[in-house]
Amino acid sequence: MYAKLTKLIKENNELYNKINLEVHDAETNKEDENTINELKHQRWQLIHDYATAVSDFLLMNMLELEKNDLTALDLVPYTVWKKVPEKTIIIIDAIHNMK
């Protein structure tokens, strides 16, 4: 499960890094506000989609996940992690404490 979770995280991290760079470049190059706002909205949407993907993966695989699989979650950016639903975090804590 670690490999599957890491793959999911790495794929999303690539997208997250790309959109962050695009926002940074747009702000640095002083592009028009509409462009910057659109990029920020895309980043916001990606953060929510990424958090949902992590949550869905953990919920769908909770019976197969082991404590050591959860170390992959260290790769999730904090901005994304804080959007993961509380219910999922409770399940993660349960897996961590049980196995």
Protein backbone atom coordinates (compact mmCIF):
# COMPACT_ATOMS: atom_id res chain seq x y z
CA MET A 1 0.00 0.00 0.00
CA TYR A 2 2.95 2.32 0.65
CA ALA A 3 3.94 2.29 -3.03
CA LYS A 4 0.40 3.09 -4.17
CA LEU A 5 0.01 5.87 -1.63
CA THR A 6 3.43 7.33 -2.48
CA LYS A 7 2.56 7.28 -6.20
CA LEU A 8 -0.68 9.17 -5.54
CA ILE A 9 1.15 11.73 -3.41
CA LYS A 10 4.02 12.23 -5.87
CA GLU A 11 1.63 12.75 -8.79
CA ASN A 12 -0.33 15.33 -6.84
CA ASN A 13 2.84 17.01 -5.55
CA GLU A 14 3.94 17.54 -9.14
CA LEU A 15 0.67 19.32 -9.92
CA TYR A 16 0.84 21.26 -6.66
CA ASN A 17 4.40 22.43 -7.35
CA LYS A 18 3.50 23.39 -10.92
CA ILE A 19 0.53 25.56 -9.95
CA ASN A 20 2.46 27.18 -7.09
CA LEU A 21 5.22 28.12 -9.54
CA GLU A 22 2.65 29.52 -11.97
CA VAL A 23 1.09 31.68 -9.24
CA HIS A 24 4.53 32.84 -8.12
CA ASP A 25 5.59 33.70 -11.67
CA ALA A 26 2.34 35.56 -12.37
CA GLU A 27 2.72 37.63 -9.21
CA THR A 28 6.43 38.25 -9.82
CA ASN A 29 5.82 39.33 -13.41
CA LYS A 30 2.92 41.51 -12.25
CA GLU A 31 0.42 39.94 -14.60
CA ASP A 32 -3.13 41.24 -14.58
CA GLU A 33 -5.30 40.53 -11.55
CA ASN A 34 -7.70 38.31 -13.49
CA THR A 35 -4.86 35.98 -14.47
CA ILE A 36 -3.49 35.86 -10.93
CA ASN A 37 -6.94 35.29 -9.44
CA GLU A 38 -7.66 32.48 -11.91
CA LEU A 39 -4.36 30.78 -11.07
CA LYS A 40 -5.05 31.15 -7.34
CA HIS A 41 -8.48 29.62 -7.84
CA GLN A 42 -6.91 26.71 -9.74
CA ARG A 43 -4.46 26.25 -6.85
CA TRP A 44 -7.30 26.34 -4.31
CA GLN A 45 -9.21 23.72 -6.34
CA LEU A 46 -6.13 21.52 -6.65
CA ILE A 47 -5.53 21.67 -2.89
CA HIS A 48 -9.09 20.51 -2.24
CA ASP A 49 -8.94 17.80 -4.92
CA TYR A 50 -5.59 16.58 -3.57
CA ALA A 51 -6.91 16.42 0.00
CA THR A 52 -9.97 14.53 -1.22
CA ALA A 53 -7.82 12.06 -3.18
CA VAL A 54 -5.66 11.34 -0.11
CA SER A 55 -8.73 10.98 2.09
CA ASP A 56 -10.53 8.72 -0.39
CA PHE A 57 -7.46 6.51 -0.76
CA LEU A 58 -7.09 6.13 2.99
CA LEU A 59 -10.77 5.43 3.55
CA MET A 60 -11.03 2.92 0.70
CA ASN A 61 -7.90 1.07 1.82
CA MET A 62 -8.10 1.42 5.60
CA LEU A 63 -8.39 -2.32 6.20
CA GLU A 64 -5.22 -3.01 4.19
CA LEU A 65 -3.12 -0.10 5.45
CA GLU A 66 -0.45 -0.72 8.02
CA LYS A 67 1.25 1.67 10.35
CA ASN A 68 4.43 1.86 8.27
CA ASP A 69 2.40 2.77 5.14
CA LEU A 70 1.37 5.99 6.83
CA THR A 71 4.90 7.40 6.70
CA ALA A 72 4.14 8.33 3.07
CA LEU A 73 1.82 11.00 4.43
CA ASP A 74 4.88 13.00 5.49
CA LEU A 75 5.20 13.91 1.80
CA VAL A 76 1.85 15.72 1.72
CA PRO A 77 2.27 19.52 1.90
CA TYR A 78 0.88 21.09 5.06
CA THR A 79 -1.49 23.32 3.06
CA VAL A 80 -3.08 20.19 1.62
CA TRP A 81 -2.93 18.16 4.83
CA LYS A 82 -4.94 20.70 6.82
CA LYS A 83 -7.78 20.25 4.29
CA VAL A 84 -8.01 16.48 4.89
CA PRO A 85 -11.30 15.80 6.71
CA GLU A 86 -11.17 15.19 10.46
CA LYS A 87 -12.87 11.81 10.00
CA THR A 88 -9.92 10.63 7.92
CA ILE A 89 -7.41 11.86 10.51
CA ILE A 90 -9.25 9.91 13.22
CA ILE A 91 -9.00 6.75 11.09
CA ILE A 92 -5.28 7.39 10.49
CA ASP A 93 -4.74 7.73 14.23
CA ALA A 94 -6.61 4.47 14.80
CA ILE A 95 -4.46 2.64 12.24
CA HIS A 96 -1.33 4.13 13.75
CA ASN A 97 -2.30 3.03 17.26
CA MET A 98 -3.65 -0.43 16.38
CA LYS A 99 -0.99 -1.99 14.21
